[in-house]
Amino acid sequence: MRLDKYLKVSRLIKRRTVANEACDGQRVMVNGRQAKASYQVKPGDIIEIGYANRTLKVEVMQVEEHVAKASADALYREIAE
């Protein structure tokens, strides 16, 4: 699955266009490297998202095309820094 779609499905970012803009703006890193929106996400990847005042670091646990809102947080595990 593409990175921008994963960010939307997992609800780490609200809309896919916003996720795409975050990738283009170099605010998203995967495994320590800047990632394009077309990056293919797989379980075990470490995603870092730079928000305005903080950075969120998560590990991809599973990749699903469609997920209910209540279970979206099962797709990733937040890593404390």
Protein backbone atom coordinates (compact mmCIF):
# COMPACT_ATOMS: atom_id res chain seq x y z
CA MET A 1 0.00 0.00 0.00
CA ARG A 2 1.20 3.52 -0.76
CA LEU A 3 2.43 5.60 2.16
CA ASP A 4 -0.12 8.39 1.67
CA LYS A 5 -2.99 5.89 1.64
CA TYR A 6 -1.64 4.09 4.72
CA LEU A 7 -1.46 7.36 6.66
CA LYS A 8 -5.10 8.03 5.79
CA VAL A 9 -6.40 4.48 6.46
CA SER A 10 -4.58 4.32 9.82
CA ARG A 11 -5.90 7.81 10.60
CA LEU A 12 -2.47 9.16 11.44
CA ILE A 13 -3.35 11.95 8.99
CA LYS A 14 -6.96 12.88 8.34
CA ARG A 15 -7.01 13.12 4.52
CA ARG A 16 -4.96 11.52 1.77
CA THR A 17 -4.26 14.86 0.09
CA VAL A 18 -2.86 16.19 3.37
CA ALA A 19 -0.74 13.03 3.70
CA ASN A 20 0.53 13.54 0.15
CA GLU A 21 1.43 17.17 0.92
CA ALA A 22 3.25 16.09 4.10
CA CYS A 23 5.34 13.65 2.08
CA ASP A 24 6.08 16.29 -0.57
CA GLY A 25 7.01 18.75 2.19
CA GLN A 26 9.55 16.26 3.58
CA ARG A 27 7.78 15.92 6.92
CA VAL A 28 7.47 12.13 6.69
CA MET A 29 10.39 9.74 7.14
CA VAL A 30 10.35 5.96 6.80
CA ASN A 31 13.20 3.96 8.33
CA GLY A 32 15.26 7.12 8.79
CA ARG A 33 14.91 8.41 5.20
CA GLN A 34 12.69 11.00 3.58
CA ALA A 35 9.81 9.14 1.93
CA LYS A 36 7.72 9.89 -1.11
CA ALA A 37 3.96 9.34 -1.09
CA SER A 38 4.43 6.39 -3.45
CA TYR A 39 6.61 4.43 -0.99
CA GLN A 40 5.21 0.90 -0.47
CA VAL A 41 4.56 0.43 3.27
CA LYS A 42 5.18 -2.99 4.81
CA PRO A 43 4.96 -4.36 8.37
CA GLY A 44 8.03 -3.47 10.42
CA ASP A 45 8.58 -0.05 8.83
CA ILE A 46 9.21 2.85 11.23
CA ILE A 47 7.33 6.00 10.20
CA GLU A 48 8.14 9.44 11.65
CA ILE A 49 5.71 12.30 11.02
CA GLY A 50 6.73 15.86 11.83
CA TYR A 51 3.73 17.84 13.03
CA ALA A 52 3.92 21.55 13.84
CA ASN A 53 5.11 21.14 17.43
CA ARG A 54 5.99 17.45 17.83
CA THR A 55 7.16 14.33 16.03
CA LEU A 56 5.15 11.11 16.05
CA LYS A 57 7.07 7.85 15.62
CA VAL A 58 5.18 4.62 14.90
CA GLU A 59 5.95 1.07 13.83
CA VAL A 60 3.73 -0.47 11.15
CA MET A 61 2.14 -3.61 12.58
CA GLN A 62 -0.13 -4.55 9.66
CA VAL A 63 -1.35 -3.17 6.35
CA GLU A 64 -5.08 -3.30 5.58
CA GLU A 65 -7.04 -1.71 2.72
CA HIS A 66 -10.15 -0.93 4.79
CA VAL A 67 -10.38 -0.59 8.56
CA ALA A 68 -13.14 0.58 10.88
CA LYS A 69 -12.40 3.81 12.69
CA ALA A 70 -12.44 2.08 16.08
CA SER A 71 -9.76 -0.43 15.11
CA ALA A 72 -7.50 1.86 13.05
CA ASP A 73 -4.96 2.13 15.86
CA ALA A 74 -4.29 -1.64 15.58
CA LEU A 75 -2.43 -0.94 12.31
CA TYR A 76 0.49 0.69 14.13
CA ARG A 77 2.29 0.84 17.47
CA GLU A 78 3.44 4.20 18.82
CA ILE A 79 7.12 4.34 19.79
CA ALA A 80 8.01 6.55 22.74
CA GLU A 81 11.12 8.68 22.43
